[in-house]
Amino acid sequence: MVLDVKKITPAYRCKSCGSTVFGISGAVALSGDLIKLKCKCGESELSLKSTNDGKFRVTIPCVFFYNDHQFLISKISLKIG
């Protein structure tokens, strides 16, 4: 199976109010430098930044701890199969 990058929707659960925050469908495929998803309560946000070498740096709030999770994801790793 191959995931279509244009159909991936970034989402996360707010660590403060528990709401699920959804981004724009296909936002991962956008060529913008930085995408931020902020919860309507204003207490948390997910950031998705594209790097010069075709990777994505993702920072996701943790619902259990104060530290955010950080990942570096290549477009190749979005393919499963």
PDB file of N, CA and C in Angstrom:
ATOM      1  N   MET A   1       0.845  -1.169   0.000  1.00  0.00           N
ATOM      2  CA  MET A   1       0.000   0.000   0.000  1.00  0.00           C
ATOM      3  C   MET A   1       0.894   1.237   0.000  1.00  0.00           C
ATOM      4  N   VAL A   2       0.500   2.239  -0.748  1.00  0.00           N
ATOM      5  CA  VAL A   2       1.214   3.505  -0.783  1.00  0.00           C
ATOM      6  C   VAL A   2       0.244   4.594  -0.351  1.00  0.00           C
ATOM      7  N   LEU A   3       0.660   5.380   0.639  1.00  0.00           N
ATOM      8  CA  LEU A   3      -0.167   6.502   1.077  1.00  0.00           C
ATOM      9  C   LEU A   3       0.046   7.671   0.134  1.00  0.00           C
ATOM     10  N   ASP A   4      -1.024   8.302  -0.273  1.00  0.00           N
ATOM     11  CA  ASP A   4      -0.938   9.466  -1.138  1.00  0.00           C
ATOM     12  C   ASP A   4      -0.708  10.691  -0.264  1.00  0.00           C
ATOM     13  N   VAL A   5       0.450  11.325  -0.403  1.00  0.00           N
ATOM     14  CA  VAL A   5       0.806  12.467   0.432  1.00  0.00           C
ATOM     15  C   VAL A   5      -0.221  13.581   0.314  1.00  0.00           C
ATOM     16  N   LYS A   6      -0.866  13.707  -0.830  1.00  0.00           N
ATOM     17  CA  LYS A   6      -1.847  14.766  -1.035  1.00  0.00           C
ATOM     18  C   LYS A   6      -3.133  14.521  -0.257  1.00  0.00           C
ATOM     19  N   LYS A   7      -3.337  13.310   0.268  1.00  0.00           N
ATOM     20  CA  LYS A   7      -4.565  12.992   0.986  1.00  0.00           C
ATOM     21  C   LYS A   7      -4.360  12.837   2.494  1.00  0.00           C
ATOM     22  N   ILE A   8      -3.152  13.092   2.978  1.00  0.00           N
ATOM     23  CA  ILE A   8      -2.878  12.984   4.411  1.00  0.00           C
ATOM     24  C   ILE A   8      -3.348  14.254   5.115  1.00  0.00           C
ATOM     25  N   THR A   9      -4.062  14.089   6.225  1.00  0.00           N
ATOM     26  CA  THR A   9      -4.559  15.210   7.006  1.00  0.00           C
ATOM     27  C   THR A   9      -3.887  15.207   8.373  1.00  0.00           C
ATOM     28  N   PRO A  10      -3.083  16.220   8.686  1.00  0.00           N
ATOM     29  CA  PRO A  10      -2.472  16.268  10.011  1.00  0.00           C
ATOM     30  C   PRO A  10      -3.527  16.534  11.082  1.00  0.00           C
ATOM     31  N   ALA A  11      -3.392  15.873  12.231  1.00  0.00           N
ATOM     32  CA  ALA A  11      -4.329  16.050  13.336  1.00  0.00           C
ATOM     33  C   ALA A  11      -3.627  15.705  14.642  1.00  0.00           C
ATOM     34  N   TYR A  12      -4.133  16.244  15.749  1.00  0.00           N
ATOM     35  CA  TYR A  12      -3.615  15.915  17.068  1.00  0.00           C
ATOM     36  C   TYR A  12      -4.681  16.174  18.117  1.00  0.00           C
ATOM     37  N   ARG A  13      -4.454  15.673  19.329  1.00  0.00           N
ATOM     38  CA  ARG A  13      -5.369  15.894  20.453  1.00  0.00           C
ATOM     39  C   ARG A  13      -4.733  16.937  21.368  1.00  0.00           C
ATOM     40  N   CYS A  14      -5.503  17.963  21.706  1.00  0.00           N
ATOM     41  CA  CYS A  14      -5.006  19.037  22.560  1.00  0.00           C
ATOM     42  C   CYS A  14      -4.748  18.515  23.971  1.00  0.00           C
ATOM     43  N   LYS A  15      -3.576  18.838  24.514  1.00  0.00           N
ATOM     44  CA  LYS A  15      -3.216  18.368  25.842  1.00  0.00           C
ATOM     45  C   LYS A  15      -3.926  19.146  26.942  1.00  0.00           C
ATOM     46  N   SER A  16      -4.524  20.274  26.609  1.00  0.00           N
ATOM     47  CA  SER A  16      -5.200  21.085  27.616  1.00  0.00           C
ATOM     48  C   SER A  16      -6.699  20.791  27.708  1.00  0.00           C
ATOM     49  N   CYS A  17      -7.395  20.862  26.565  1.00  0.00           N
ATOM     50  CA  CYS A  17      -8.855  20.699  26.597  1.00  0.00           C
ATOM     51  C   CYS A  17      -9.323  19.346  26.068  1.00  0.00           C
ATOM     52  N   GLY A  18      -8.435  18.571  25.423  1.00  0.00           N
ATOM     53  CA  GLY A  18      -8.789  17.248  24.923  1.00  0.00           C
ATOM     54  C   GLY A  18      -9.449  17.225  23.558  1.00  0.00           C
ATOM     55  N   SER A  19      -9.631  18.380  22.936  1.00  0.00           N
ATOM     56  CA  SER A  19     -10.247  18.441  21.607  1.00  0.00           C
ATOM     57  C   SER A  19      -9.317  17.855  20.560  1.00  0.00           C
ATOM     58  N   THR A  20      -9.886  17.306  19.500  1.00  0.00           N
ATOM     59  CA  THR A  20      -9.102  16.855  18.356  1.00  0.00           C
ATOM     60  C   THR A  20      -9.029  17.999  17.360  1.00  0.00           C
ATOM     61  N   VAL A  21      -7.820  18.326  16.932  1.00  0.00           N
ATOM     62  CA  VAL A  21      -7.587  19.435  16.010  1.00  0.00           C
ATOM     63  C   VAL A  21      -7.174  18.845  14.668  1.00  0.00           C
ATOM     64  N   PHE A  22      -7.919  19.159  13.619  1.00  0.00           N
ATOM     65  CA  PHE A  22      -7.639  18.666  12.277  1.00  0.00           C
ATOM     66  C   PHE A  22      -7.094  19.788  11.413  1.00  0.00           C
ATOM     67  N   GLY A  23      -6.135  19.446  10.559  1.00  0.00           N
ATOM     68  CA  GLY A  23      -5.583  20.416   9.625  1.00  0.00           C
ATOM     69  C   GLY A  23      -6.295  20.343   8.294  1.00  0.00           C
ATOM     70  N   ILE A  24      -5.718  21.018   7.337  1.00  0.00           N
ATOM     71  CA  ILE A  24      -6.251  21.031   5.975  1.00  0.00           C
ATOM     72  C   ILE A  24      -5.875  19.725   5.294  1.00  0.00           C
ATOM     73  N   SER A  25      -6.825  19.075   4.665  1.00  0.00           N
ATOM     74  CA  SER A  25      -6.528  17.841   3.932  1.00  0.00           C
ATOM     75  C   SER A  25      -5.540  18.154   2.825  1.00  0.00           C
ATOM     76  N   GLY A  26      -4.465  17.396   2.784  1.00  0.00           N
ATOM     77  CA  GLY A  26      -3.436  17.625   1.785  1.00  0.00           C
ATOM     78  C   GLY A  26      -2.415  18.666   2.190  1.00  0.00           C
ATOM     79  N   ALA A  27      -2.476  19.144   3.422  1.00  0.00           N
ATOM     80  CA  ALA A  27      -1.541  20.183   3.860  1.00  0.00           C
ATOM     81  C   ALA A  27      -0.097  19.706   3.820  1.00  0.00           C
ATOM     82  N   VAL A  28       0.121  18.385   3.974  1.00  0.00           N
ATOM     83  CA  VAL A  28       1.467  17.841   3.938  1.00  0.00           C
ATOM     84  C   VAL A  28       2.091  18.039   2.558  1.00  0.00           C
ATOM     85  N   ALA A  29       1.274  18.055   1.526  1.00  0.00           N
ATOM     86  CA  ALA A  29       1.776  18.181   0.158  1.00  0.00           C
ATOM     87  C   ALA A  29       2.044  19.635  -0.235  1.00  0.00           C
ATOM     88  N   LEU A  30       1.623  20.583   0.581  1.00  0.00           N
ATOM     89  CA  LEU A  30       1.825  21.987   0.249  1.00  0.00           C
ATOM     90  C   LEU A  30       3.302  22.332   0.275  1.00  0.00           C
ATOM     91  N   SER A  31       3.686  23.269  -0.527  1.00  0.00           N
ATOM     92  CA  SER A  31       5.101  23.632  -0.615  1.00  0.00           C
ATOM     93  C   SER A  31       5.476  24.716   0.384  1.00  0.00           C
ATOM     94  N   GLY A  32       4.552  25.146   1.229  1.00  0.00           N
ATOM     95  CA  GLY A  32       4.856  26.174   2.221  1.00  0.00           C
ATOM     96  C   GLY A  32       5.921  25.719   3.190  1.00  0.00           C
ATOM     97  N   ASP A  33       6.609  26.663   3.780  1.00  0.00           N
ATOM     98  CA  ASP A  33       7.696  26.341   4.690  1.00  0.00           C
ATOM     99  C   ASP A  33       7.204  25.840   6.040  1.00  0.00           C
ATOM    100  N   LEU A  34       6.088  26.393   6.538  1.00  0.00           N
ATOM    101  CA  LEU A  34       5.649  26.063   7.882  1.00  0.00           C
ATOM    102  C   LEU A  34       4.122  26.052   7.964  1.00  0.00           C
ATOM    103  N   ILE A  35       3.590  25.005   8.559  1.00  0.00           N
ATOM    104  CA  ILE A  35       2.156  24.898   8.797  1.00  0.00           C
ATOM    105  C   ILE A  35       1.980  24.745  10.298  1.00  0.00           C
ATOM    106  N   LYS A  36       1.104  25.546  10.901  1.00  0.00           N
ATOM    107  CA  LYS A  36       0.818  25.428  12.328  1.00  0.00           C
ATOM    108  C   LYS A  36      -0.675  25.189  12.508  1.00  0.00           C
ATOM    109  N   LEU A  37      -0.983  24.189  13.327  1.00  0.00           N
ATOM    110  CA  LEU A  37      -2.368  23.920  13.700  1.00  0.00           C
ATOM    111  C   LEU A  37      -2.506  24.267  15.167  1.00  0.00           C
ATOM    112  N   LYS A  38      -3.342  25.225  15.479  1.00  0.00           N
ATOM    113  CA  LYS A  38      -3.504  25.647  16.867  1.00  0.00           C
ATOM    114  C   LYS A  38      -4.910  25.307  17.334  1.00  0.00           C
ATOM    115  N   CYS A  39      -5.007  24.785  18.551  1.00  0.00           N
ATOM    116  CA  CYS A  39      -6.302  24.455  19.125  1.00  0.00           C
ATOM    117  C   CYS A  39      -7.081  25.743  19.395  1.00  0.00           C
ATOM    118  N   LYS A  40      -8.392  25.660  19.318  1.00  0.00           N
ATOM    119  CA  LYS A  40      -9.221  26.852  19.539  1.00  0.00           C
ATOM    120  C   LYS A  40      -9.113  27.366  20.970  1.00  0.00           C
ATOM    121  N   CYS A  41      -8.685  26.509  21.924  1.00  0.00           N
ATOM    122  CA  CYS A  41      -8.492  26.977  23.297  1.00  0.00           C
ATOM    123  C   CYS A  41      -7.203  27.787  23.429  1.00  0.00           C
ATOM    124  N   GLY A  42      -6.296  27.674  22.442  1.00  0.00           N
ATOM    125  CA  GLY A  42      -5.065  28.455  22.422  1.00  0.00           C
ATOM    126  C   GLY A  42      -3.925  27.890  23.250  1.00  0.00           C
ATOM    127  N   GLU A  43      -4.082  26.697  23.798  1.00  0.00           N
ATOM    128  CA  GLU A  43      -3.075  26.136  24.696  1.00  0.00           C
ATOM    129  C   GLU A  43      -2.086  25.183  24.037  1.00  0.00           C
ATOM    130  N   SER A  44      -2.330  24.755  22.800  1.00  0.00           N
ATOM    131  CA  SER A  44      -1.410  23.819  22.155  1.00  0.00           C
ATOM    132  C   SER A  44      -1.419  24.029  20.646  1.00  0.00           C
ATOM    133  N   GLU A  45      -0.341  23.566  20.000  1.00  0.00           N
ATOM    134  CA  GLU A  45      -0.279  23.643  18.548  1.00  0.00           C
ATOM    135  C   GLU A  45       0.651  22.568  18.000  1.00  0.00           C
ATOM    136  N   LEU A  46       0.357  22.130  16.792  1.00  0.00           N
ATOM    137  CA  LEU A  46       1.202  21.210  16.032  1.00  0.00           C
ATOM    138  C   LEU A  46       1.893  22.048  14.967  1.00  0.00           C
ATOM    139  N   SER A  47       3.180  21.804  14.749  1.00  0.00           N
ATOM    140  CA  SER A  47       3.856  22.499  13.659  1.00  0.00           C
ATOM    141  C   SER A  47       4.447  21.477  12.704  1.00  0.00           C
ATOM    142  N   LEU A  48       4.368  21.799  11.435  1.00  0.00           N
ATOM    143  CA  LEU A  48       4.850  20.935  10.366  1.00  0.00           C
ATOM    144  C   LEU A  48       5.679  21.815   9.436  1.00  0.00           C
ATOM    145  N   LYS A  49       6.970  21.557   9.401  1.00  0.00           N
ATOM    146  CA  LYS A  49       7.880  22.392   8.610  1.00  0.00           C
ATOM    147  C   LYS A  49       8.582  21.541   7.569  1.00  0.00           C
ATOM    148  N   SER A  50       8.577  22.008   6.330  1.00  0.00           N
ATOM    149  CA  SER A  50       9.303  21.286   5.280  1.00  0.00           C
ATOM    150  C   SER A  50      10.754  21.757   5.290  1.00  0.00           C
ATOM    151  N   THR A  51      11.665  20.812   5.076  1.00  0.00           N
ATOM    152  CA  THR A  51      13.097  21.129   5.061  1.00  0.00           C
ATOM    153  C   THR A  51      13.584  21.197   3.616  1.00  0.00           C
ATOM    154  N   ASN A  52      14.780  21.693   3.429  1.00  0.00           N
ATOM    155  CA  ASN A  52      15.348  21.842   2.079  1.00  0.00           C
ATOM    156  C   ASN A  52      15.622  20.513   1.399  1.00  0.00           C
ATOM    157  N   ASP A  53      15.782  19.446   2.190  1.00  0.00           N
ATOM    158  CA  ASP A  53      16.097  18.142   1.599  1.00  0.00           C
ATOM    159  C   ASP A  53      14.865  17.253   1.433  1.00  0.00           C
ATOM    160  N   GLY A  54      13.674  17.849   1.411  1.00  0.00           N
ATOM    161  CA  GLY A  54      12.456  17.099   1.116  1.00  0.00           C
ATOM    162  C   GLY A  54      11.875  16.330   2.290  1.00  0.00           C
ATOM    163  N   LYS A  55      12.244  16.700   3.491  1.00  0.00           N
ATOM    164  CA  LYS A  55      11.704  16.035   4.680  1.00  0.00           C
ATOM    165  C   LYS A  55      10.751  16.969   5.404  1.00  0.00           C
ATOM    166  N   PHE A  56      10.037  16.422   6.386  1.00  0.00           N
ATOM    167  CA  PHE A  56       9.136  17.214   7.206  1.00  0.00           C
ATOM    168  C   PHE A  56       9.574  17.114   8.661  1.00  0.00           C
ATOM    169  N   ARG A  57       9.700  18.244   9.336  1.00  0.00           N
ATOM    170  CA  ARG A  57       9.975  18.278  10.764  1.00  0.00           C
ATOM    171  C   ARG A  57       8.638  18.550  11.457  1.00  0.00           C
ATOM    172  N   VAL A  58       8.208  17.586  12.281  1.00  0.00           N
ATOM    173  CA  VAL A  58       6.897  17.658  12.916  1.00  0.00           C
ATOM    174  C   VAL A  58       7.075  17.777  14.428  1.00  0.00           C
ATOM    175  N   THR A  59       6.387  18.735  15.043  1.00  0.00           N
ATOM    176  CA  THR A  59       6.362  18.880  16.493  1.00  0.00           C
ATOM    177  C   THR A  59       4.919  18.727  16.943  1.00  0.00           C
ATOM    178  N   ILE A  60       4.684  17.713  17.798  1.00  0.00           N
ATOM    179  CA  ILE A  60       3.333  17.361  18.230  1.00  0.00           C
ATOM    180  C   ILE A  60       3.248  17.454  19.747  1.00  0.00           C
ATOM    181  N   PRO A  61       2.224  18.132  20.282  1.00  0.00           N
ATOM    182  CA  PRO A  61       2.070  18.194  21.732  1.00  0.00           C
ATOM    183  C   PRO A  61       1.755  16.815  22.319  1.00  0.00           C
ATOM    184  N   CYS A  62       2.312  16.531  23.476  1.00  0.00           N
ATOM    185  CA  CYS A  62       2.053  15.260  24.158  1.00  0.00           C
ATOM    186  C   CYS A  62       0.897  15.456  25.136  1.00  0.00           C
ATOM    187  N   VAL A  63      -0.062  14.539  25.128  1.00  0.00           N
ATOM    188  CA  VAL A  63      -1.217  14.656  26.026  1.00  0.00           C
ATOM    189  C   VAL A  63      -0.891  14.193  27.442  1.00  0.00           C
ATOM    190  N   PHE A  64       0.241  13.523  27.636  1.00  0.00           N
ATOM    191  CA  PHE A  64       0.583  12.984  28.947  1.00  0.00           C
ATOM    192  C   PHE A  64       1.677  13.762  29.673  1.00  0.00           C
ATOM    193  N   PHE A  65       2.624  14.338  28.926  1.00  0.00           N
ATOM    194  CA  PHE A  65       3.768  15.010  29.535  1.00  0.00           C
ATOM    195  C   PHE A  65       3.874  16.439  29.018  1.00  0.00           C
ATOM    196  N   TYR A  66       4.754  17.225  29.612  1.00  0.00           N
ATOM    197  CA  TYR A  66       4.924  18.623  29.199  1.00  0.00           C
ATOM    198  C   TYR A  66       5.764  18.758  27.932  1.00  0.00           C
ATOM    199  N   ASN A  67       6.566  17.742  27.634  1.00  0.00           N
ATOM    200  CA  ASN A  67       7.433  17.793  26.456  1.00  0.00           C
ATOM    201  C   ASN A  67       6.631  17.534  25.188  1.00  0.00           C
ATOM    202  N   ASP A  68       6.987  18.232  24.115  1.00  0.00           N
ATOM    203  CA  ASP A  68       6.414  17.947  22.806  1.00  0.00           C
ATOM    204  C   ASP A  68       7.226  16.837  22.153  1.00  0.00           C
ATOM    205  N   HIS A  69       6.599  16.094  21.258  1.00  0.00           N
ATOM    206  CA  HIS A  69       7.294  15.060  20.492  1.00  0.00           C
ATOM    207  C   HIS A  69       7.769  15.676  19.187  1.00  0.00           C
ATOM    208  N   GLN A  70       8.994  15.367  18.787  1.00  0.00           N
ATOM    209  CA  GLN A  70       9.544  15.884  17.541  1.00  0.00           C
ATOM    210  C   GLN A  70       9.976  14.732  16.657  1.00  0.00           C
ATOM    211  N   PHE A  71       9.602  14.832  15.389  1.00  0.00           N
ATOM    212  CA  PHE A  71       9.912  13.791  14.415  1.00  0.00           C
ATOM    213  C   PHE A  71      10.454  14.436  13.156  1.00  0.00           C
ATOM    214  N   LEU A  72      11.323  13.713  12.462  1.00  0.00           N
ATOM    215  CA  LEU A  72      11.796  14.103  11.141  1.00  0.00           C
ATOM    216  C   LEU A  72      11.380  12.986  10.199  1.00  0.00           C
ATOM    217  N   ILE A  73      10.503  13.307   9.267  1.00  0.00           N
ATOM    218  CA  ILE A  73       9.892  12.298   8.404  1.00  0.00           C
ATOM    219  C   ILE A  73      10.249  12.604   6.959  1.00  0.00           C
ATOM    220  N   SER A  74      10.714  11.588   6.236  1.00  0.00           N
ATOM    221  CA  SER A  74      10.980  11.760   4.811  1.00  0.00           C
ATOM    222  C   SER A  74       9.732  11.380   4.025  1.00  0.00           C
ATOM    223  N   LYS A  75       9.630  11.884   2.819  1.00  0.00           N
ATOM    224  CA  LYS A  75       8.491  11.534   1.973  1.00  0.00           C
ATOM    225  C   LYS A  75       8.492  10.064   1.652  1.00  0.00           C
ATOM    226  N   ILE A  76       9.665   9.450   1.618  1.00  0.00           N
ATOM    227  CA  ILE A  76       9.774   8.014   1.343  1.00  0.00           C
ATOM    228  C   ILE A  76       9.148   7.204   2.473  1.00  0.00           C
ATOM    229  N   SER A  77       9.269   7.666   3.726  1.00  0.00           N
ATOM    230  CA  SER A  77       8.726   6.918   4.853  1.00  0.00           C
ATOM    231  C   SER A  77       7.201   6.978   4.902  1.00  0.00           C
ATOM    232  N   LEU A  78       6.583   7.819   4.104  1.00  0.00           N
ATOM    233  CA  LEU A  78       5.133   7.882   4.037  1.00  0.00           C
ATOM    234  C   LEU A  78       4.564   6.776   3.168  1.00  0.00           C
ATOM    235  N   LYS A  79       5.429   5.972   2.551  1.00  0.00           N
ATOM    236  CA  LYS A  79       4.990   4.838   1.737  1.00  0.00           C
ATOM    237  C   LYS A  79       5.037   3.584   2.573  1.00  0.00           C
ATOM    238  N   ILE A  80       3.960   2.844   2.589  1.00  0.00           N
ATOM    239  CA  ILE A  80       3.870   1.593   3.353  1.00  0.00           C
ATOM    240  C   ILE A  80       3.691   0.460   2.368  1.00  0.00           C
ATOM    241  N   GLY A  81       4.391  -0.622   2.568  1.00  0.00           N
ATOM    242  CA  GLY A  81       4.158  -1.742   1.686  1.00  0.00           C
ATOM    243  C   GLY A  81       5.292  -2.565   1.450  1.00  0.00           C
TER     244      GLY A  81
END
